[in-house]
Protein backbone atom coordinates (compact mmCIF):
# COMPACT_ATOMS: atom_id res chain seq x y z
CA MET A 1 -26.47 -13.81 0.45
CA PHE A 2 -23.09 -13.66 -1.34
CA SER A 3 -23.63 -17.06 -3.00
CA LEU A 4 -27.02 -15.84 -4.24
CA PHE A 5 -25.25 -12.85 -5.83
CA ARG A 6 -22.75 -15.14 -7.56
CA ARG A 7 -25.49 -17.24 -9.07
CA PHE A 8 -27.18 -14.36 -10.87
CA ARG A 9 -24.25 -12.26 -12.03
CA LYS A 10 -22.54 -12.54 -15.36
CA LYS A 11 -19.29 -14.40 -15.81
CA ASN A 12 -16.31 -12.68 -14.19
CA LEU A 13 -14.48 -10.67 -16.85
CA ARG A 14 -11.70 -9.36 -14.59
CA ASN A 15 -8.13 -9.33 -15.85
CA ASN A 16 -6.76 -8.80 -12.33
CA SER A 17 -7.25 -10.64 -9.06
CA ARG A 18 -8.95 -8.59 -6.37
CA GLN A 19 -7.95 -8.08 -2.76
CA ALA A 20 -10.34 -7.48 0.15
CA ILE A 21 -9.36 -4.21 1.82
CA GLU A 22 -9.31 -3.96 5.61
CA GLN A 23 -7.97 -0.41 5.63
CA PHE A 24 -10.80 2.17 5.55
CA LEU A 25 -10.48 3.95 2.18
CA THR A 26 -13.10 6.65 1.66
CA VAL A 27 -14.32 7.34 -1.89
CA TYR A 28 -15.81 10.60 -3.13
CA ASP A 29 -17.53 11.40 -6.40
CA GLU A 30 -15.47 14.37 -7.55
CA ASP A 31 -18.00 15.35 -10.24
CA LYS A 32 -20.83 15.78 -7.72
CA PHE A 33 -18.66 16.63 -4.68
CA VAL A 34 -20.33 13.96 -2.52
CA LEU A 35 -19.25 11.04 -0.36
CA LEU A 36 -19.78 7.86 -2.38
CA GLY A 37 -18.72 5.22 0.14
CA ARG A 38 -15.72 3.05 0.99
CA VAL A 39 -13.56 0.54 -0.87
CA ASP A 40 -14.54 -3.09 -0.26
CA ASP A 41 -12.04 -4.75 -2.58
CA LEU A 42 -9.36 -3.54 -4.94
CA SER A 43 -7.31 -4.74 -7.90
CA MET A 44 -4.92 -3.15 -10.35
CA GLY A 45 -7.84 -2.87 -12.77
CA GLY A 46 -10.62 -1.54 -10.55
CA MET A 47 -12.46 -1.67 -7.24
CA CYS A 48 -15.71 -2.47 -5.51
CA VAL A 49 -17.23 0.36 -3.48
CA LEU A 50 -19.84 -0.06 -0.73
CA SER A 51 -22.28 2.83 -1.00
CA GLU A 52 -25.72 4.06 0.01
CA MET A 53 -25.88 5.72 -3.42
CA SER A 54 -26.69 4.14 -6.76
CA ILE A 55 -24.68 4.81 -9.94
CA PRO A 56 -25.87 3.92 -13.43
CA ILE A 57 -23.89 1.19 -15.22
CA ASN A 58 -21.39 2.41 -17.87
CA ASN A 59 -21.21 5.80 -16.14
CA LYS A 60 -17.80 7.50 -16.21
CA VAL A 61 -16.94 9.35 -13.02
CA LYS A 62 -13.85 10.92 -11.47
CA LEU A 63 -13.35 9.45 -8.02
CA ALA A 64 -11.21 10.68 -5.15
CA ILE A 65 -9.86 7.91 -2.93
CA GLU A 66 -8.62 8.96 0.51
CA ILE A 67 -5.85 6.79 1.92
CA PRO A 68 -4.96 7.19 5.63
CA GLN A 69 -1.21 7.42 6.24
CA GLU A 70 0.82 6.30 9.26
CA ASP A 71 1.51 9.94 10.25
CA ASN A 72 -2.26 10.56 10.67
CA LYS A 73 -2.38 12.46 7.39
CA THR A 74 -4.44 11.49 4.36
CA GLN A 75 -3.22 10.93 0.82
CA THR A 76 -5.80 11.42 -1.93
CA ILE A 77 -5.59 9.96 -5.40
CA TYR A 78 -7.91 10.95 -8.23
CA GLN A 79 -8.94 8.38 -10.80
CA LEU A 80 -11.31 8.31 -13.74
CA CYS A 81 -13.48 5.18 -13.49
CA GLU A 82 -16.38 3.51 -15.23
CA SER A 83 -19.16 1.77 -13.31
CA VAL A 84 -19.42 -1.75 -14.71
CA TRP A 85 -21.84 -3.48 -12.33
CA GLN A 86 -24.00 -2.86 -9.30
CA TYR A 87 -25.55 -5.15 -6.73
CA THR A 88 -28.04 -4.00 -4.09
CA ASP A 89 -27.84 -5.74 -0.73
CA VAL A 90 -31.45 -5.28 0.38
CA GLU A 91 -30.77 -6.88 3.76
CA ASN A 92 -28.03 -4.40 4.70
CA GLU A 93 -29.40 -1.48 2.64
CA PHE A 94 -26.29 -0.67 0.63
CA ASN A 95 -25.02 -1.02 -2.92
CA LYS A 96 -21.87 -2.72 -4.11
CA ILE A 97 -20.63 -0.87 -7.17
CA GLY A 98 -17.91 -2.27 -9.42
CA PHE A 99 -15.63 0.32 -11.03
CA ARG A 100 -13.03 -0.18 -13.75
CA PHE A 101 -10.07 2.20 -13.75
CA ILE A 102 -9.69 4.20 -16.97
CA GLY A 103 -6.24 5.42 -18.01
CA ILE A 104 -4.60 4.77 -14.66
CA SER A 105 -1.30 6.63 -14.20
CA PRO A 106 1.92 4.89 -13.14
CA ALA A 107 1.82 6.89 -9.88
CA ASN A 108 -1.71 5.68 -9.05
CA MET A 109 -0.76 2.12 -10.05
CA LYS A 110 2.13 2.22 -7.60
CA ILE A 111 -0.09 3.48 -4.75
CA ILE A 112 -2.78 0.87 -5.44
CA ASN A 113 -0.17 -1.89 -5.59
CA GLU A 114 1.19 -0.74 -2.20
CA ILE A 115 -2.30 -0.86 -0.67
CA ILE A 116 -2.94 -4.35 -2.05
CA THR A 117 0.39 -5.77 -0.87
CA LYS A 118 -0.13 -4.40 2.67
CA GLN A 119 -3.35 -6.40 3.16
CA PRO A 120 -3.17 -9.62 5.20
CA THR A 121 -3.19 -12.72 3.02
CA LEU A 122 -2.29 -15.56 5.40
CA ALA A 123 -4.57 -17.55 7.75
CA GLY A 124 -8.15 -16.64 7.01
CA SER A 125 -6.99 -15.17 3.73
CA THR A 126 -8.65 -12.00 2.50
CA PHE A 127 -7.42 -12.58 -1.05
CA LEU A 128 -10.25 -12.94 -3.53
CA SER A 129 -8.98 -14.82 -6.56
CA GLN A 130 -10.59 -14.95 -9.96
CA ASP A 131 -13.95 -16.68 -9.85
CA PRO A 132 -13.76 -20.20 -11.32
CA GLU A 133 -16.85 -19.62 -13.48
């Protein structure tokens, strides 16, 4: 199914490599006060969110990303994002929504970088490099 998605999408315009995220990061739409979904992959420039909801392309939305901490507490960062693509996985009944970060603060950049660097990248690598297209 993933290769089918690759065939029909536009050329990858990312400036940053993305990292598959094993840690469960919950995402909320702060404007509507609803659960949006969870982070599937993340880069310094944006993220892919798995969601049951649909978001129009080019929609700007303030998202809250909950990050579990080792002390069983949760850290929340707030980030303005723009939806740049959406793919519906009919088989699994969810949407993959691509968001680009808008005006990311140095503090949020640091947190996102820490999340990315903590993900496993060795045998069976979860690192998703730039598409060769």
